Amino acid sequence: MSGWTRATIRQEWEDWWRGLGGLSRLGPLLGAFLFLGGHTMLGGLQGDHALLVVGVLAGYFAGPRVRPLFLFFLPIIIVGTVYDAQRYWADDLRAMVRVAEPHFWELNWFGISDGGLEVTPATWWQTRTHAAWDLICGAAYLLFIPVFFITAGWWRFKERQPGAELVMWAMLWLNLAGYVAYLIYPAAPPWYVDHYGLGPAVLSAAPEAAGAARFDALLGVDWFAGYYGRNANVFGAIPSLHVGQTFLSVLFAWQFRSLRSLTTTFWLLVLFASVYLNHHYVVDGLVGMVFAVGAWSCLRVWSRRQSNPSLSYD
């Protein structure tokens, strides 16, 4: 434990600090100022933004001991920042919102006959809810990010799997690709169709927790109401990043030959929950899985190029 004495840690930090250039010392502070200033000018500054800045600066300036952990969480910090900022540009940059098209895709490919009517799986489940499923599916939806962190951290720090440092970055690229898709092909979720129908998009539609509100009611909390009340983009249904991200962990689990049962079971549960809670069509989840395969494949190719620059893929 001698490597963790106060004197050793202090000396390591001082050596690290002396080795930093001026930009490395002041750059994070300048970035924090621009981040908070930008949100202030756009009228969206909230207390969460200040807490995020404090956390990022603390992680960065903690020095070399904390650097691996800081780099581990950096991708999700970027994801959260970009997701939150969608409120400033989503309405102005997105294409025409698709309401009926995803709905009819779902009916054609996965429609269920219910009392003589053809309905989507999401609609079918809304008349067959159960408190146990509300609890299980709500918990899965709440835990999809923590579970991803735990598995990624297990591979990175416990097993030290070769390539495990790319798991969080693959998650970043998956999410960024999803946000771009939301602008190119904005799609209404099934709960929106239940409330507003299949006509022209109601762009002023407020975000809501949909079936996840049953979880809140069951436990007497407002977790989903608070989370989805801050949804930055109501028309971001395709791809489902809940399903895509959990499937991404499955891909890495089979690559590393570790945690395969856990990740596969959790992915299937989240896939079901996305439909049961009326947040997504099955189609949305399938597209999310395709995006996950794309992110995983791109990072694999990049990793191989880095480890062997002589490889040619021409």
C-alpha atoms as a PDB file:
ATOM      1  CA  MET A   1       0.000   0.000   0.000  1.00  0.00           C
ATOM      2  CA  SER A   2       3.060   2.258   0.042  1.00  0.00           C
ATOM      3  CA  GLY A   3       2.114   3.489  -3.404  1.00  0.00           C
ATOM      4  CA  TRP A   4      -1.000   5.071  -1.908  1.00  0.00           C
ATOM      5  CA  THR A   5       0.632   7.136   0.871  1.00  0.00           C
ATOM      6  CA  ARG A   6      -0.255  10.813   1.018  1.00  0.00           C
ATOM      7  CA  ALA A   7       3.287  11.834   0.220  1.00  0.00           C
ATOM      8  CA  THR A   8       3.433   9.604  -2.863  1.00  0.00           C
ATOM      9  CA  ILE A   9       0.054  10.762  -4.158  1.00  0.00           C
ATOM     10  CA  ARG A  10       0.980  14.400  -3.588  1.00  0.00           C
ATOM     11  CA  GLN A  11       4.316  13.969  -5.340  1.00  0.00           C
ATOM     12  CA  GLU A  12       2.647  12.256  -8.302  1.00  0.00           C
ATOM     13  CA  TRP A  13       0.129  15.091  -8.563  1.00  0.00           C
ATOM     14  CA  GLU A  14       2.832  17.769  -8.385  1.00  0.00           C
ATOM     15  CA  ASP A  15       4.873  16.018 -11.074  1.00  0.00           C
ATOM     16  CA  TRP A  16       1.763  15.746 -13.228  1.00  0.00           C
ATOM     17  CA  TRP A  17       0.908  19.418 -12.705  1.00  0.00           C
ATOM     18  CA  ARG A  18       4.411  20.580 -13.590  1.00  0.00           C
ATOM     19  CA  GLY A  19       4.259  18.526 -16.767  1.00  0.00           C
ATOM     20  CA  LEU A  20       1.098  20.227 -17.972  1.00  0.00           C
ATOM     21  CA  GLY A  21       1.309  23.035 -20.470  1.00  0.00           C
ATOM     22  CA  GLY A  22      -0.603  26.271 -20.130  1.00  0.00           C
ATOM     23  CA  LEU A  23      -3.436  25.091 -22.355  1.00  0.00           C
ATOM     24  CA  SER A  24      -3.838  21.874 -20.388  1.00  0.00           C
ATOM     25  CA  ARG A  25      -4.108  23.870 -17.173  1.00  0.00           C
ATOM     26  CA  LEU A  26      -6.433  26.636 -18.346  1.00  0.00           C
ATOM     27  CA  GLY A  27      -8.289  24.843 -21.158  1.00  0.00           C
ATOM     28  CA  PRO A  28     -10.744  22.976 -18.902  1.00  0.00           C
ATOM     29  CA  LEU A  29     -11.555  26.194 -17.031  1.00  0.00           C
ATOM     30  CA  LEU A  30     -12.134  28.026 -20.306  1.00  0.00           C
ATOM     31  CA  GLY A  31     -14.315  25.156 -21.548  1.00  0.00           C
ATOM     32  CA  ALA A  32     -16.360  25.288 -18.326  1.00  0.00           C
ATOM     33  CA  PHE A  33     -16.842  29.041 -18.729  1.00  0.00           C
ATOM     34  CA  LEU A  34     -17.973  28.656 -22.339  1.00  0.00           C
ATOM     35  CA  PHE A  35     -20.291  25.762 -21.437  1.00  0.00           C
ATOM     36  CA  LEU A  36     -22.055  27.648 -18.651  1.00  0.00           C
ATOM     37  CA  GLY A  37     -22.013  30.900 -20.606  1.00  0.00           C
ATOM     38  CA  GLY A  38     -23.557  29.215 -23.646  1.00  0.00           C
ATOM     39  CA  HIS A  39     -26.419  27.740 -21.641  1.00  0.00           C
ATOM     40  CA  THR A  40     -26.948  31.114 -19.965  1.00  0.00           C
ATOM     41  CA  MET A  41     -27.152  32.957 -23.294  1.00  0.00           C
ATOM     42  CA  LEU A  42     -29.568  30.364 -24.681  1.00  0.00           C
ATOM     43  CA  GLY A  43     -31.758  30.605 -21.600  1.00  0.00           C
ATOM     44  CA  GLY A  44     -31.352  27.003 -20.518  1.00  0.00           C
ATOM     45  CA  LEU A  45     -28.905  27.155 -17.601  1.00  0.00           C
ATOM     46  CA  GLN A  46     -29.880  24.849 -14.738  1.00  0.00           C
ATOM     47  CA  GLY A  47     -28.313  23.712 -11.519  1.00  0.00           C
ATOM     48  CA  ASP A  48     -27.448  20.359 -13.102  1.00  0.00           C
ATOM     49  CA  HIS A  49     -25.108  22.108 -15.505  1.00  0.00           C
ATOM     50  CA  ALA A  50     -23.128  23.667 -12.678  1.00  0.00           C
ATOM     51  CA  LEU A  51     -22.888  20.326 -10.876  1.00  0.00           C
ATOM     52  CA  LEU A  52     -21.687  18.682 -14.083  1.00  0.00           C
ATOM     53  CA  VAL A  53     -18.969  21.300 -14.513  1.00  0.00           C
ATOM     54  CA  VAL A  54     -17.807  20.911 -10.918  1.00  0.00           C
ATOM     55  CA  GLY A  55     -17.648  17.128 -11.318  1.00  0.00           C
ATOM     56  CA  VAL A  56     -15.731  17.263 -14.601  1.00  0.00           C
ATOM     57  CA  LEU A  57     -13.200  19.798 -13.293  1.00  0.00           C
ATOM     58  CA  ALA A  58     -12.715  17.777 -10.104  1.00  0.00           C
ATOM     59  CA  GLY A  59     -12.108  14.629 -12.127  1.00  0.00           C
ATOM     60  CA  TYR A  60      -9.688  16.341 -14.492  1.00  0.00           C
ATOM     61  CA  PHE A  61      -7.635  18.183 -11.870  1.00  0.00           C
ATOM     62  CA  ALA A  62      -7.537  15.198  -9.494  1.00  0.00           C
ATOM     63  CA  GLY A  63      -4.479  14.091 -11.417  1.00  0.00           C
ATOM     64  CA  PRO A  64      -3.001  10.829 -12.681  1.00  0.00           C
ATOM     65  CA  ARG A  65      -4.488   8.529 -10.037  1.00  0.00           C
ATOM     66  CA  VAL A  66      -8.028   9.395 -11.047  1.00  0.00           C
ATOM     67  CA  ARG A  67      -7.328   9.803 -14.757  1.00  0.00           C
ATOM     68  CA  PRO A  68      -8.359   6.235 -15.800  1.00  0.00           C
ATOM     69  CA  LEU A  69     -11.693   6.650 -14.033  1.00  0.00           C
ATOM     70  CA  PHE A  70     -12.163  10.124 -15.488  1.00  0.00           C
ATOM     71  CA  LEU A  71     -11.509   8.852 -19.016  1.00  0.00           C
ATOM     72  CA  PHE A  72     -13.879   5.951 -18.377  1.00  0.00           C
ATOM     73  CA  PHE A  73     -16.767   8.297 -17.610  1.00  0.00           C
ATOM     74  CA  LEU A  74     -15.851  10.966 -20.173  1.00  0.00           C
ATOM     75  CA  PRO A  75     -17.945   9.410 -23.002  1.00  0.00           C
ATOM     76  CA  ILE A  76     -21.155   9.434 -20.950  1.00  0.00           C
ATOM     77  CA  ILE A  77     -20.463  13.030 -19.941  1.00  0.00           C
ATOM     78  CA  ILE A  78     -20.267  13.940 -23.630  1.00  0.00           C
ATOM     79  CA  VAL A  79     -23.434  11.953 -24.359  1.00  0.00           C
ATOM     80  CA  GLY A  80     -25.347  13.728 -21.609  1.00  0.00           C
ATOM     81  CA  THR A  81     -24.122  17.120 -22.754  1.00  0.00           C
ATOM     82  CA  VAL A  82     -25.114  16.561 -26.373  1.00  0.00           C
ATOM     83  CA  TYR A  83     -28.457  15.006 -25.431  1.00  0.00           C
ATOM     84  CA  ASP A  84     -29.360  17.959 -23.225  1.00  0.00           C
ATOM     85  CA  ALA A  85     -28.330  20.444 -25.926  1.00  0.00           C
ATOM     86  CA  GLN A  86     -30.770  18.945 -28.432  1.00  0.00           C
ATOM     87  CA  ARG A  87     -33.435  21.256 -27.024  1.00  0.00           C
ATOM     88  CA  TYR A  88     -31.670  24.160 -28.716  1.00  0.00           C
ATOM     89  CA  TRP A  89     -31.580  22.762 -32.242  1.00  0.00           C
ATOM     90  CA  ALA A  90     -33.947  19.791 -32.606  1.00  0.00           C
ATOM     91  CA  ASP A  91     -36.985  21.869 -33.607  1.00  0.00           C
ATOM     92  CA  ASP A  92     -35.069  23.887 -36.180  1.00  0.00           C
ATOM     93  CA  LEU A  93     -32.924  21.198 -37.798  1.00  0.00           C
ATOM     94  CA  ARG A  94     -35.047  18.065 -37.887  1.00  0.00           C
ATOM     95  CA  ALA A  95     -36.823  16.897 -41.022  1.00  0.00           C
ATOM     96  CA  MET A  96     -40.561  16.267 -41.281  1.00  0.00           C
ATOM     97  CA  VAL A  97     -41.783  14.227 -38.333  1.00  0.00           C
ATOM     98  CA  ARG A  98     -42.996  10.734 -39.250  1.00  0.00           C
ATOM     99  CA  VAL A  99     -46.081   9.697 -37.320  1.00  0.00           C
ATOM    100  CA  ALA A 100     -48.038   7.193 -39.419  1.00  0.00           C
ATOM    101  CA  GLU A 101     -45.170   5.515 -41.256  1.00  0.00           C
ATOM    102  CA  PRO A 102     -43.499   3.789 -38.262  1.00  0.00           C
ATOM    103  CA  HIS A 103     -46.940   2.845 -36.949  1.00  0.00           C
ATOM    104  CA  PHE A 104     -47.913   1.084 -40.179  1.00  0.00           C
ATOM    105  CA  TRP A 105     -44.514  -0.596 -40.423  1.00  0.00           C
ATOM    106  CA  GLU A 106     -45.195  -2.052 -36.990  1.00  0.00           C
ATOM    107  CA  LEU A 107     -48.679  -3.190 -37.971  1.00  0.00           C
ATOM    108  CA  ASN A 108     -47.453  -4.816 -41.187  1.00  0.00           C
ATOM    109  CA  TRP A 109     -44.539  -6.667 -39.599  1.00  0.00           C
ATOM    110  CA  PHE A 110     -45.609  -7.283 -35.988  1.00  0.00           C
ATOM    111  CA  GLY A 111     -49.324  -6.569 -35.866  1.00  0.00           C
ATOM    112  CA  ILE A 112     -51.501  -8.566 -33.431  1.00  0.00           C
ATOM    113  CA  SER A 113     -55.183  -9.366 -33.929  1.00  0.00           C
ATOM    114  CA  ASP A 114     -57.132  -8.113 -30.931  1.00  0.00           C
ATOM    115  CA  GLY A 115     -60.920  -8.330 -31.016  1.00  0.00           C
ATOM    116  CA  GLY A 116     -60.988  -8.239 -34.777  1.00  0.00           C
ATOM    117  CA  LEU A 117     -58.649  -5.247 -34.969  1.00  0.00           C
ATOM    118  CA  GLU A 118     -54.993  -5.278 -35.959  1.00  0.00           C
ATOM    119  CA  VAL A 119     -52.978  -3.496 -33.282  1.00  0.00           C
ATOM    120  CA  THR A 120     -49.316  -2.957 -32.516  1.00  0.00           C
ATOM    121  CA  PRO A 121     -47.641  -4.978 -29.740  1.00  0.00           C
ATOM    122  CA  ALA A 122     -47.326  -1.772 -27.700  1.00  0.00           C
ATOM    123  CA  THR A 123     -51.086  -1.148 -27.960  1.00  0.00           C
ATOM    124  CA  TRP A 124     -51.849  -4.797 -27.185  1.00  0.00           C
ATOM    125  CA  TRP A 125     -49.832  -4.687 -23.965  1.00  0.00           C
ATOM    126  CA  GLN A 126     -51.472  -1.494 -22.674  1.00  0.00           C
ATOM    127  CA  THR A 127     -54.678  -3.477 -22.057  1.00  0.00           C
ATOM    128  CA  ARG A 128     -52.810  -6.333 -20.367  1.00  0.00           C
ATOM    129  CA  THR A 129     -50.617  -4.602 -17.825  1.00  0.00           C
ATOM    130  CA  HIS A 130     -49.738  -6.102 -14.461  1.00  0.00           C
ATOM    131  CA  ALA A 131     -48.127  -4.534 -11.405  1.00  0.00           C
ATOM    132  CA  ALA A 132     -45.297  -7.081 -11.445  1.00  0.00           C
ATOM    133  CA  TRP A 133     -44.411  -6.247 -15.042  1.00  0.00           C
ATOM    134  CA  ASP A 134     -44.740  -2.526 -14.284  1.00  0.00           C
ATOM    135  CA  LEU A 135     -42.172  -2.924 -11.525  1.00  0.00           C
ATOM    136  CA  ILE A 136     -39.773  -5.147 -13.471  1.00  0.00           C
ATOM    137  CA  CYS A 137     -39.900  -3.166 -16.706  1.00  0.00           C
ATOM    138  CA  GLY A 138     -39.669   0.173 -14.929  1.00  0.00           C
ATOM    139  CA  ALA A 139     -36.624  -1.004 -12.994  1.00  0.00           C
ATOM    140  CA  ALA A 140     -34.982  -2.226 -16.206  1.00  0.00           C
ATOM    141  CA  TYR A 141     -35.585   1.123 -17.863  1.00  0.00           C
ATOM    142  CA  LEU A 142     -34.126   2.967 -14.900  1.00  0.00           C
ATOM    143  CA  LEU A 143     -31.076   0.718 -14.661  1.00  0.00           C
ATOM    144  CA  PHE A 144     -30.077   0.438 -18.317  1.00  0.00           C
ATOM    145  CA  ILE A 145     -27.293   3.029 -17.958  1.00  0.00           C
ATOM    146  CA  PRO A 146     -25.961   1.821 -14.551  1.00  0.00           C
ATOM    147  CA  VAL A 147     -25.923  -1.782 -15.781  1.00  0.00           C
ATOM    148  CA  PHE A 148     -23.945  -0.705 -18.842  1.00  0.00           C
ATOM    149  CA  PHE A 149     -21.464   1.130 -16.578  1.00  0.00           C
ATOM    150  CA  ILE A 150     -21.062  -1.895 -14.336  1.00  0.00           C
ATOM    151  CA  THR A 151     -20.383  -4.308 -17.188  1.00  0.00           C
ATOM    152  CA  ALA A 152     -18.058  -1.886 -18.974  1.00  0.00           C
ATOM    153  CA  GLY A 153     -16.207  -1.189 -15.720  1.00  0.00           C
ATOM    154  CA  TRP A 154     -15.937  -4.911 -14.955  1.00  0.00           C
ATOM    155  CA  TRP A 155     -14.286  -5.574 -18.302  1.00  0.00           C
ATOM    156  CA  ARG A 156     -12.061  -2.492 -18.072  1.00  0.00           C
ATOM    157  CA  PHE A 157     -10.863  -2.560 -14.463  1.00  0.00           C
ATOM    158  CA  LYS A 158     -11.570  -6.035 -13.067  1.00  0.00           C
ATOM    159  CA  GLU A 159     -10.847  -8.366 -15.982  1.00  0.00           C
ATOM    160  CA  ARG A 160      -8.691  -5.871 -17.920  1.00  0.00           C
ATOM    161  CA  GLN A 161      -9.953  -7.251 -21.197  1.00  0.00           C
ATOM    162  CA  PRO A 162      -7.963  -6.146 -24.286  1.00  0.00           C
ATOM    163  CA  GLY A 163     -10.116  -3.573 -26.031  1.00  0.00           C
ATOM    164  CA  ALA A 164     -12.351  -2.948 -23.004  1.00  0.00           C
ATOM    165  CA  GLU A 165     -11.365   0.728 -23.040  1.00  0.00           C
ATOM    166  CA  LEU A 166     -13.421   1.044 -26.246  1.00  0.00           C
ATOM    167  CA  VAL A 167     -16.741  -0.041 -24.703  1.00  0.00           C
ATOM    168  CA  MET A 168     -17.700   3.385 -23.395  1.00  0.00           C
ATOM    169  CA  TRP A 169     -16.530   5.070 -26.589  1.00  0.00           C
ATOM    170  CA  ALA A 170     -18.659   2.690 -28.638  1.00  0.00           C
ATOM    171  CA  MET A 171     -21.592   3.781 -26.476  1.00  0.00           C
ATOM    172  CA  LEU A 172     -20.747   7.409 -27.273  1.00  0.00           C
ATOM    173  CA  TRP A 173     -20.741   6.846 -31.031  1.00  0.00           C
ATOM    174  CA  LEU A 174     -23.924   4.802 -30.841  1.00  0.00           C
ATOM    175  CA  ASN A 175     -25.714   7.640 -29.088  1.00  0.00           C
ATOM    176  CA  LEU A 176     -24.337  10.371 -31.332  1.00  0.00           C
ATOM    177  CA  ALA A 177     -25.408   8.399 -34.405  1.00  0.00           C
ATOM    178  CA  GLY A 178     -28.850   8.034 -32.831  1.00  0.00           C
ATOM    179  CA  TYR A 179     -29.134  11.790 -32.263  1.00  0.00           C
ATOM    180  CA  VAL A 180     -28.283  12.422 -35.911  1.00  0.00           C
ATOM    181  CA  ALA A 181     -30.934   9.889 -36.932  1.00  0.00           C
ATOM    182  CA  TYR A 182     -33.470  11.776 -34.825  1.00  0.00           C
ATOM    183  CA  LEU A 183     -32.861  14.823 -37.012  1.00  0.00           C
ATOM    184  CA  ILE A 184     -32.873  12.964 -40.338  1.00  0.00           C
ATOM    185  CA  TYR A 185     -35.832  10.708 -39.548  1.00  0.00           C
ATOM    186  CA  PRO A 186     -37.754  12.078 -36.560  1.00  0.00           C
ATOM    187  CA  ALA A 187     -40.394   9.546 -35.541  1.00  0.00           C
ATOM    188  CA  ALA A 188     -43.277   9.624 -33.088  1.00  0.00           C
ATOM    189  CA  PRO A 189     -43.354   7.000 -30.314  1.00  0.00           C
ATOM    190  CA  PRO A 190     -46.443   4.823 -29.777  1.00  0.00           C
ATOM    191  CA  TRP A 191     -47.643   6.785 -26.733  1.00  0.00           C
ATOM    192  CA  TYR A 192     -47.788   9.906 -28.911  1.00  0.00           C
ATOM    193  CA  VAL A 193     -50.056   8.115 -31.421  1.00  0.00           C
ATOM    194  CA  ASP A 194     -52.355   7.064 -28.565  1.00  0.00           C
ATOM    195  CA  HIS A 195     -52.772  10.711 -27.531  1.00  0.00           C
ATOM    196  CA  TYR A 196     -52.615  12.647 -30.794  1.00  0.00           C
ATOM    197  CA  GLY A 197     -53.494  10.135 -33.504  1.00  0.00           C
ATOM    198  CA  LEU A 198     -51.847   9.549 -36.887  1.00  0.00           C
ATOM    199  CA  GLY A 199     -52.423  13.010 -38.343  1.00  0.00           C
ATOM    200  CA  PRO A 200     -49.839  15.769 -38.853  1.00  0.00           C
ATOM    201  CA  ALA A 201     -47.323  15.978 -36.025  1.00  0.00           C
ATOM    202  CA  VAL A 202     -48.216  18.153 -33.071  1.00  0.00           C
ATOM    203  CA  LEU A 203     -44.833  19.754 -32.601  1.00  0.00           C
ATOM    204  CA  SER A 204     -45.844  21.239 -29.258  1.00  0.00           C
ATOM    205  CA  ALA A 205     -46.556  17.801 -27.765  1.00  0.00           C
ATOM    206  CA  ALA A 206     -45.154  17.603 -24.255  1.00  0.00           C
ATOM    207  CA  PRO A 207     -42.857  14.721 -23.303  1.00  0.00           C
ATOM    208  CA  GLU A 208     -44.243  12.162 -20.901  1.00  0.00           C
ATOM    209  CA  ALA A 209     -43.347   8.958 -19.096  1.00  0.00           C
ATOM    210  CA  ALA A 210     -46.025   6.889 -20.894  1.00  0.00           C
ATOM    211  CA  GLY A 211     -46.350   3.411 -19.355  1.00  0.00           C
ATOM    212  CA  ALA A 212     -43.443   4.116 -17.019  1.00  0.00           C
ATOM    213  CA  ALA A 213     -45.831   6.376 -15.087  1.00  0.00           C
ATOM    214  CA  ARG A 214     -47.313   3.142 -13.713  1.00  0.00           C
ATOM    215  CA  PHE A 215     -43.965   2.414 -12.067  1.00  0.00           C
ATOM    216  CA  ASP A 216     -44.016   5.862 -10.441  1.00  0.00           C
ATOM    217  CA  ALA A 217     -47.573   5.336  -9.224  1.00  0.00           C
ATOM    218  CA  LEU A 218     -46.750   1.886  -7.877  1.00  0.00           C
ATOM    219  CA  LEU A 219     -43.896   3.175  -5.717  1.00  0.00           C
ATOM    220  CA  GLY A 220     -45.292   6.641  -5.024  1.00  0.00           C
ATOM    221  CA  VAL A 221     -42.366   8.414  -6.716  1.00  0.00           C
ATOM    222  CA  ASP A 222     -41.948  10.766  -9.660  1.00  0.00           C
ATOM    223  CA  TRP A 223     -38.673   9.430 -11.073  1.00  0.00           C
ATOM    224  CA  PHE A 224     -39.878   8.809 -14.617  1.00  0.00           C
ATOM    225  CA  ALA A 225     -42.087  11.889 -14.612  1.00  0.00           C
ATOM    226  CA  GLY A 226     -39.083  14.026 -13.721  1.00  0.00           C
ATOM    227  CA  TYR A 227     -36.742  12.330 -16.172  1.00  0.00           C
ATOM    228  CA  TYR A 228     -39.047  12.345 -19.178  1.00  0.00           C
ATOM    229  CA  GLY A 229     -40.369  15.764 -18.285  1.00  0.00           C
ATOM    230  CA  ARG A 230     -36.935  16.989 -19.364  1.00  0.00           C
ATOM    231  CA  ASN A 231     -36.884  14.954 -22.562  1.00  0.00           C
ATOM    232  CA  ALA A 232     -35.005  17.044 -25.114  1.00  0.00           C
ATOM    233  CA  ASN A 233     -36.665  15.472 -28.162  1.00  0.00           C
ATOM    234  CA  VAL A 234     -40.159  13.957 -28.146  1.00  0.00           C
ATOM    235  CA  PHE A 235     -39.714  12.669 -31.711  1.00  0.00           C
ATOM    236  CA  GLY A 236     -36.617  10.572 -31.063  1.00  0.00           C
ATOM    237  CA  ALA A 237     -38.130   7.101 -31.246  1.00  0.00           C
ATOM    238  CA  ILE A 238     -36.027   5.540 -34.027  1.00  0.00           C
ATOM    239  CA  PRO A 239     -33.601   4.113 -33.092  1.00  0.00           C
ATOM    240  CA  SER A 240     -34.345   2.999 -29.537  1.00  0.00           C
ATOM    241  CA  LEU A 241     -31.112   3.770 -27.724  1.00  0.00           C
ATOM    242  CA  HIS A 242     -32.291   1.835 -24.671  1.00  0.00           C
ATOM    243  CA  VAL A 243     -32.370  -1.308 -26.778  1.00  0.00           C
ATOM    244  CA  GLY A 244     -29.325  -0.355 -28.829  1.00  0.00           C
ATOM    245  CA  GLN A 245     -27.141   0.291 -25.809  1.00  0.00           C
ATOM    246  CA  THR A 246     -28.073  -2.918 -24.025  1.00  0.00           C
ATOM    247  CA  PHE A 247     -27.497  -4.878 -27.238  1.00  0.00           C
ATOM    248  CA  LEU A 248     -24.098  -3.196 -27.566  1.00  0.00           C
ATOM    249  CA  SER A 249     -23.152  -4.686 -24.205  1.00  0.00           C
ATOM    250  CA  VAL A 250     -24.221  -8.104 -25.525  1.00  0.00           C
ATOM    251  CA  LEU A 251     -21.863  -7.729 -28.491  1.00  0.00           C
ATOM    252  CA  PHE A 252     -18.942  -6.899 -26.213  1.00  0.00           C
ATOM    253  CA  ALA A 253     -19.907  -9.708 -23.814  1.00  0.00           C
ATOM    254  CA  TRP A 254     -19.630 -12.266 -26.594  1.00  0.00           C
ATOM    255  CA  GLN A 255     -16.407 -10.657 -27.816  1.00  0.00           C
ATOM    256  CA  PHE A 256     -14.859 -10.873 -24.328  1.00  0.00           C
ATOM    257  CA  ARG A 257     -16.550 -14.204 -23.471  1.00  0.00           C
ATOM    258  CA  SER A 258     -17.680 -12.688 -20.197  1.00  0.00           C
ATOM    259  CA  LEU A 259     -21.056 -11.758 -18.636  1.00  0.00           C
ATOM    260  CA  ARG A 260     -22.888 -13.172 -21.649  1.00  0.00           C
ATOM    261  CA  SER A 261     -25.903 -14.493 -19.713  1.00  0.00           C
ATOM    262  CA  LEU A 262     -26.298 -11.274 -17.729  1.00  0.00           C
ATOM    263  CA  THR A 263     -26.094  -8.911 -20.696  1.00  0.00           C
ATOM    264  CA  THR A 264     -28.265 -11.064 -22.972  1.00  0.00           C
ATOM    265  CA  THR A 265     -30.994 -11.450 -20.350  1.00  0.00           C
ATOM    266  CA  PHE A 266     -30.972  -7.735 -19.555  1.00  0.00           C
ATOM    267  CA  TRP A 267     -31.092  -6.770 -23.251  1.00  0.00           C
ATOM    268  CA  LEU A 268     -34.131  -8.995 -23.828  1.00  0.00           C
ATOM    269  CA  LEU A 269     -35.813  -7.491 -20.778  1.00  0.00           C
ATOM    270  CA  VAL A 270     -35.181  -3.924 -21.953  1.00  0.00           C
ATOM    271  CA  LEU A 271     -36.394  -4.827 -25.453  1.00  0.00           C
ATOM    272  CA  PHE A 272     -39.634  -6.100 -23.949  1.00  0.00           C
ATOM    273  CA  ALA A 273     -39.891  -3.141 -21.550  1.00  0.00           C
ATOM    274  CA  SER A 274     -39.528  -0.629 -24.384  1.00  0.00           C
ATOM    275  CA  VAL A 275     -42.720  -2.034 -25.941  1.00  0.00           C
ATOM    276  CA  TYR A 276     -44.580  -2.858 -22.720  1.00  0.00           C
ATOM    277  CA  LEU A 277     -44.066   0.674 -21.376  1.00  0.00           C
ATOM    278  CA  ASN A 278     -45.393   2.102 -24.679  1.00  0.00           C
ATOM    279  CA  HIS A 279     -42.151   3.961 -25.390  1.00  0.00           C
ATOM    280  CA  HIS A 280     -41.172   2.170 -28.589  1.00  0.00           C
ATOM    281  CA  TYR A 281     -42.324  -0.069 -31.386  1.00  0.00           C
ATOM    282  CA  VAL A 282     -40.479  -3.326 -31.982  1.00  0.00           C
ATOM    283  CA  VAL A 283     -39.148  -1.689 -35.148  1.00  0.00           C
ATOM    284  CA  ASP A 284     -37.449   1.006 -33.067  1.00  0.00           C
ATOM    285  CA  GLY A 285     -35.593  -1.610 -31.071  1.00  0.00           C
ATOM    286  CA  LEU A 286     -34.452  -3.513 -34.166  1.00  0.00           C
ATOM    287  CA  VAL A 287     -33.038  -0.317 -35.663  1.00  0.00           C
ATOM    288  CA  GLY A 288     -31.293   0.385 -32.373  1.00  0.00           C
ATOM    289  CA  MET A 289     -29.662  -3.033 -32.576  1.00  0.00           C
ATOM    290  CA  VAL A 290     -28.454  -2.315 -36.111  1.00  0.00           C
ATOM    291  CA  PHE A 291     -26.912   0.937 -34.879  1.00  0.00           C
ATOM    292  CA  ALA A 292     -25.223  -0.987 -32.057  1.00  0.00           C
ATOM    293  CA  VAL A 293     -23.698  -3.441 -34.518  1.00  0.00           C
ATOM    294  CA  GLY A 294     -22.447  -0.493 -36.564  1.00  0.00           C
ATOM    295  CA  ALA A 295     -20.808   1.212 -33.581  1.00  0.00           C
ATOM    296  CA  TRP A 296     -19.262  -2.046 -32.354  1.00  0.00           C
ATOM    297  CA  SER A 297     -17.943  -2.929 -35.825  1.00  0.00           C
ATOM    298  CA  CYS A 298     -16.433   0.505 -36.441  1.00  0.00           C
ATOM    299  CA  LEU A 299     -14.596   0.440 -33.113  1.00  0.00           C
ATOM    300  CA  ARG A 300     -13.336  -3.081 -33.843  1.00  0.00           C
ATOM    301  CA  VAL A 301     -11.943  -1.975 -37.197  1.00  0.00           C
ATOM    302  CA  TRP A 302     -10.369   1.114 -35.628  1.00  0.00           C
ATOM    303  CA  SER A 303      -8.804  -0.996 -32.863  1.00  0.00           C
ATOM    304  CA  ARG A 304      -7.279  -3.392 -35.373  1.00  0.00           C
ATOM    305  CA  ARG A 305      -5.824  -0.529 -37.369  1.00  0.00           C
ATOM    306  CA  GLN A 306      -4.296   0.948 -34.223  1.00  0.00           C
ATOM    307  CA  SER A 307      -2.765  -2.345 -33.147  1.00  0.00           C
ATOM    308  CA  ASN A 308      -1.462  -3.124 -36.641  1.00  0.00           C
ATOM    309  CA  PRO A 309      -1.054  -0.009 -38.814  1.00  0.00           C
ATOM    310  CA  SER A 310       0.173  -2.155 -41.737  1.00  0.00           C
ATOM    311  CA  LEU A 311      -3.302  -3.702 -42.150  1.00  0.00           C
ATOM    312  CA  SER A 312      -5.075  -2.586 -45.288  1.00  0.00           C
ATOM    313  CA  TYR A 313      -8.801  -2.722 -45.834  1.00  0.00           C
ATOM    314  CA  ASP A 314      -8.753  -1.383 -49.372  1.00  0.00           C
END
